[in-house]
Amino acid sequence: MNRWIGAALALALAACVLAPPGLVFAEDAPQAAASEAVLDLDEHGEAGAEASITGTVRANLVSATLPSNIAFTFDPAAEFDPTAGKNQVDTPSAAAATNNSVVPVVLEITQVQVKDEGHLGENPLDGSAQTLKLKAHVNDQWKTVGGAQELVERGVGEPGTAILALRPKGERFASLEAFEQYALLPTGSGGPTAATPLRAATLPADSTVPLEIYGKLASDRLYGEYGFSVGVTLKVRALQSGESWDYLPSAN
């Protein structure tokens, strides 16, 4: 029996508007320099030399429009395979981020917290509580020690465990490990911080990119519907010179 779980990603906005002026496409401001050129005249009495002109764009205003809340539903019985586009989460089409700037920007996650202690409610049979625990891996992680397998970290398997990621809609990941690098973990437990943010999406100039929640949930609840909420703080900054554009949704 499919059991849909209502959930929400509460999004807070940080450092989105009126970012301080800075270079967008060049790491260093161009410097004027002079060099001596020895020119040999041709038969017409003419000569030439190449010169390059380097320009720099300064972003005095970075502006983006982001959703303040994304309500989504989980189906724990659905198949989950991020490499094949199979997801247990249904995200509304209204979830999107718009870049109002004239330069491309990066959407980053600086904080993650499970709200209300991740309480999913009480079991209607025995009244026991079930809480949400966000995980970094889909499957259990093992390593070989002395020829034997040793458990390193539990994945999504125990009741109340889940893995979540916020990415552009329609993305297919090259591998399970590629998906797991975007896992939303509570700040302080390996999750993002302001110093080491988690990249969510790249937004081209003057464009809207639809967003999607990717995830897998393990649950032992047999009756009724329930929900949970995860708080995420977002930051928008200008894309820097030489920085990867990351995944962008296709036009189809």
Protein backbone atom coordinates (compact mmCIF):
# COMPACT_ATOMS: atom_id res chain seq x y z
CA MET A 1 0.00 0.00 0.00
CA ASN A 2 1.38 3.40 -0.99
CA ARG A 3 1.69 5.78 1.95
CA TRP A 4 2.13 9.41 1.02
CA ILE A 5 3.96 11.61 3.46
CA GLY A 6 3.45 15.35 3.34
CA ALA A 7 6.59 17.37 3.89
CA ALA A 8 7.90 20.88 3.46
CA LEU A 9 11.21 22.58 2.80
CA ALA A 10 11.09 25.97 4.51
CA LEU A 11 13.51 28.25 2.68
CA ALA A 12 15.12 31.28 4.27
CA LEU A 13 16.86 33.90 2.15
CA ALA A 14 20.35 35.11 3.01
CA ALA A 15 22.64 37.58 1.24
CA CYS A 16 20.55 37.62 -1.91
CA VAL A 17 20.07 41.28 -2.71
CA LEU A 18 22.56 44.13 -2.82
CA ALA A 19 25.65 41.96 -2.84
CA PRO A 20 28.82 44.06 -2.57
CA PRO A 21 30.48 45.03 -5.84
CA GLY A 22 32.89 42.42 -7.10
CA LEU A 23 34.37 40.95 -10.25
CA VAL A 24 32.19 38.46 -11.99
CA PHE A 25 34.08 37.15 -14.99
CA ALA A 26 37.67 38.03 -14.04
CA GLU A 27 39.54 37.03 -10.92
CA ASP A 28 41.79 40.09 -11.09
CA ALA A 29 41.20 43.53 -12.52
CA PRO A 30 43.03 44.02 -15.85
CA GLN A 31 46.27 45.94 -15.55
CA ALA A 32 47.61 48.32 -18.19
CA ALA A 33 51.10 47.41 -19.36
CA ALA A 34 53.54 48.67 -21.98
CA SER A 35 56.00 46.58 -23.97
CA GLU A 36 58.45 47.37 -26.73
CA ALA A 37 57.55 46.04 -30.16
CA VAL A 38 60.11 45.79 -32.99
CA LEU A 39 58.25 46.23 -36.27
CA ASP A 40 59.60 45.29 -39.70
CA LEU A 41 58.17 47.33 -42.55
CA ASP A 42 56.81 45.44 -45.52
CA GLU A 43 57.17 46.40 -49.16
CA HIS A 44 54.41 48.98 -48.75
CA GLY A 45 56.13 50.62 -45.81
CA GLU A 46 53.58 49.27 -43.30
CA ALA A 47 53.88 47.17 -40.13
CA GLY A 48 51.54 45.84 -37.44
CA ALA A 49 51.51 44.13 -34.06
CA GLU A 50 48.82 42.33 -32.09
CA ALA A 51 47.38 43.83 -28.90
CA SER A 52 44.71 42.43 -26.56
CA ILE A 53 41.99 44.31 -24.72
CA THR A 54 40.65 42.67 -21.52
CA GLY A 55 37.34 43.72 -20.01
CA THR A 56 35.87 43.08 -16.56
CA VAL A 57 32.21 43.07 -15.54
CA ARG A 58 31.34 44.36 -12.07
CA ALA A 59 28.13 43.12 -10.45
CA ASN A 60 26.82 45.97 -8.31
CA LEU A 61 23.42 44.39 -7.81
CA VAL A 62 22.61 40.69 -7.60
CA SER A 63 18.91 39.94 -7.38
CA ALA A 64 16.97 36.67 -7.31
CA THR A 65 13.42 35.53 -6.57
CA LEU A 66 13.20 32.30 -4.57
CA PRO A 67 10.34 30.23 -3.13
CA SER A 68 9.90 30.68 0.63
CA ASN A 69 8.36 27.25 1.11
CA ILE A 70 8.26 24.06 -0.98
CA ALA A 71 5.61 21.57 0.08
CA PHE A 72 6.23 18.10 -1.33
CA THR A 73 5.02 14.54 -0.84
CA PHE A 74 6.94 11.31 -0.29
CA ASP A 75 5.90 7.86 -1.46
CA PRO A 76 8.17 5.39 0.43
CA ALA A 77 6.87 2.52 -1.72
CA ALA A 78 8.07 4.13 -4.97
CA GLU A 79 11.32 3.11 -6.64
CA PHE A 80 14.29 5.41 -6.10
CA ASP A 81 17.08 5.59 -8.68
CA PRO A 82 18.58 9.07 -9.20
CA THR A 83 20.59 7.82 -12.20
CA ALA A 84 17.36 6.91 -14.03
CA GLY A 85 15.19 9.82 -12.91
CA LYS A 86 13.16 7.70 -10.45
CA ASN A 87 12.26 9.66 -7.35
CA GLN A 88 10.11 9.01 -4.26
CA VAL A 89 9.31 12.73 -4.01
CA ASP A 90 6.67 14.71 -5.90
CA THR A 91 7.62 18.41 -6.06
CA PRO A 92 5.11 21.06 -7.21
CA SER A 93 5.85 22.79 -10.51
CA ALA A 94 5.69 26.18 -8.76
CA ALA A 95 9.02 25.49 -7.06
CA ALA A 96 11.51 27.58 -9.03
CA ALA A 97 14.29 30.13 -8.67
CA THR A 98 14.53 33.24 -10.86
CA ASN A 99 17.72 35.18 -11.49
CA ASN A 100 16.83 38.85 -12.08
CA SER A 101 20.49 39.83 -12.54
CA VAL A 102 22.44 40.54 -15.72
CA VAL A 103 25.09 38.01 -14.67
CA PRO A 104 24.81 34.27 -13.84
CA VAL A 105 24.49 33.43 -10.15
CA VAL A 106 24.95 30.39 -7.92
CA LEU A 107 22.29 29.26 -5.45
CA GLU A 108 23.91 27.82 -2.31
CA ILE A 109 22.67 26.23 0.92
CA THR A 110 24.40 27.54 4.04
CA GLN A 111 22.33 25.94 6.81
CA VAL A 112 20.06 22.91 7.23
CA GLN A 113 17.94 22.01 10.24
CA VAL A 114 15.21 19.46 10.89
CA LYS A 115 12.39 21.52 12.37
CA ASP A 116 10.30 20.49 15.36
CA GLU A 117 12.98 17.90 16.15
CA GLY A 118 11.89 16.00 13.06
CA HIS A 119 8.89 14.58 14.85
CA LEU A 120 6.75 12.54 12.45
CA GLY A 121 3.92 11.83 14.90
CA GLU A 122 2.79 8.90 17.01
CA ASN A 123 2.08 5.37 15.90
CA PRO A 124 -1.72 4.98 16.16
CA LEU A 125 -1.29 1.45 17.59
CA ASP A 126 1.17 1.92 20.45
CA GLY A 127 1.65 5.71 20.64
CA SER A 128 5.41 5.45 20.06
CA ALA A 129 7.12 8.42 18.42
CA GLN A 130 9.02 8.35 15.18
CA THR A 131 11.55 11.06 14.34
CA LEU A 132 13.24 12.03 11.10
CA LYS A 133 16.97 11.40 10.71
CA LEU A 134 18.62 12.80 7.56
CA LYS A 135 21.36 10.59 6.14
CA ALA A 136 24.35 11.19 3.87
CA HIS A 137 24.06 7.89 1.97
CA VAL A 138 21.30 5.83 0.41
CA ASN A 139 22.90 2.49 1.33
CA ASP A 140 25.01 1.34 4.28
CA GLN A 141 28.70 2.16 3.91
CA TRP A 142 31.23 -0.64 4.43
CA LYS A 143 35.01 -0.97 4.36
CA THR A 144 37.31 -3.97 4.34
CA VAL A 145 39.46 -4.38 7.47
CA GLY A 146 41.72 -7.41 7.71
CA GLY A 147 39.79 -9.20 5.00
CA ALA A 148 36.43 -8.64 6.77
CA GLN A 149 33.66 -6.14 6.02
CA GLU A 150 33.17 -3.48 8.67
CA LEU A 151 30.15 -1.16 8.83
CA VAL A 152 31.18 2.50 8.57
CA GLU A 153 27.86 4.35 8.41
CA ARG A 154 24.19 3.48 8.18
CA GLY A 155 22.25 4.64 5.14
CA VAL A 156 18.50 4.96 4.58
CA GLY A 157 17.05 1.75 5.97
CA GLU A 158 16.04 2.15 9.58
CA PRO A 159 12.54 3.55 10.20
CA GLY A 160 12.46 7.33 10.06
CA THR A 161 15.66 7.75 8.01
CA ALA A 162 15.73 9.75 4.79
CA ILE A 163 18.04 11.40 2.28
CA LEU A 164 17.09 14.70 0.63
CA ALA A 165 18.65 16.96 -2.00
CA LEU A 166 17.57 20.26 -3.60
CA ARG A 167 18.57 20.42 -7.27
CA PRO A 168 17.31 21.63 -10.68
CA LYS A 169 14.24 19.72 -11.86
CA GLY A 170 14.80 16.77 -14.19
CA GLU A 171 18.44 16.13 -13.31
CA ARG A 172 19.83 12.62 -13.76
CA PHE A 173 22.94 11.88 -11.77
CA ALA A 174 25.92 9.98 -13.17
CA SER A 175 26.05 7.72 -10.11
CA LEU A 176 24.61 7.25 -6.64
CA GLU A 177 27.73 8.87 -5.21
CA ALA A 178 27.21 11.91 -7.47
CA PHE A 179 23.72 12.32 -6.02
CA GLU A 180 24.87 11.85 -2.42
CA GLN A 181 27.28 14.80 -2.58
CA TYR A 182 24.21 17.08 -2.50
CA ALA A 183 22.58 15.42 0.54
CA LEU A 184 20.98 17.86 2.99
CA LEU A 185 22.51 17.16 6.40
CA PRO A 186 21.83 19.16 9.57
CA THR A 187 24.39 21.91 10.12
CA GLY A 188 27.01 20.72 12.61
CA SER A 189 26.72 17.06 11.61
CA GLY A 190 28.58 17.23 8.33
CA GLY A 191 26.02 19.55 6.74
CA PRO A 192 26.67 22.92 5.08
CA THR A 193 27.81 26.06 6.88
CA ALA A 194 28.28 29.64 5.77
CA ALA A 195 31.99 28.88 5.33
CA THR A 196 31.44 25.69 3.32
CA PRO A 197 28.06 26.04 1.56
CA LEU A 198 26.37 23.30 -0.46
CA ARG A 199 25.75 24.11 -4.10
CA ALA A 200 22.12 23.76 -5.16
CA ALA A 201 21.81 25.24 -8.65
CA THR A 202 23.33 27.57 -11.24
CA LEU A 203 21.01 30.26 -12.60
CA PRO A 204 21.88 31.87 -15.96
CA ALA A 205 21.34 35.62 -16.29
CA ASP A 206 17.69 36.69 -16.54
CA SER A 207 16.31 33.15 -16.31
CA THR A 208 14.08 30.88 -14.24
CA VAL A 209 15.22 27.38 -13.22
CA PRO A 210 12.62 24.92 -11.86
CA LEU A 211 13.72 23.16 -8.66
CA GLU A 212 13.03 19.65 -7.42
CA ILE A 213 13.38 17.77 -4.14
CA TYR A 214 15.10 14.42 -4.65
CA GLY A 215 14.86 11.87 -1.89
CA LYS A 216 14.31 8.44 -0.40
CA LEU A 217 12.54 7.67 2.90
CA ALA A 218 12.34 4.55 5.05
CA SER A 219 9.26 4.35 7.24
CA ASP A 220 7.50 1.74 9.39
CA ARG A 221 4.28 3.71 9.67
CA LEU A 222 1.32 1.64 8.48
CA TYR A 223 -1.63 3.97 8.99
CA GLY A 224 -2.59 7.52 8.14
CA GLU A 225 -0.59 10.42 6.76
CA TYR A 226 2.01 12.49 8.55
CA GLY A 227 4.64 15.06 7.78
CA PHE A 228 7.87 16.78 8.68
CA SER A 229 9.64 20.04 7.90
CA VAL A 230 13.26 20.81 7.02
CA GLY A 231 14.59 24.37 7.25
CA VAL A 232 17.13 25.51 4.65
CA THR A 233 18.97 28.85 4.43
CA LEU A 234 19.80 29.94 0.88
CA LYS A 235 22.48 32.30 -0.39
CA VAL A 236 22.87 33.79 -3.88
CA ARG A 237 26.21 34.97 -5.24
CA ALA A 238 27.68 35.83 -8.64
CA LEU A 239 29.29 33.05 -10.65
CA GLN A 240 33.07 33.50 -10.56
CA SER A 241 35.58 33.29 -13.40
CA GLY A 242 36.46 29.71 -14.36
CA GLU A 243 33.79 28.24 -12.08
CA SER A 244 31.73 25.29 -13.30
CA TRP A 245 28.18 26.02 -14.40
CA ASP A 246 27.05 22.73 -12.89
CA TYR A 247 23.87 21.01 -14.13
CA LEU A 248 21.36 23.06 -16.10
CA PRO A 249 17.92 21.71 -17.09
CA SER A 250 17.37 21.13 -20.79
CA ALA A 251 15.01 23.30 -22.79
CA ASN A 252 12.72 20.34 -23.44
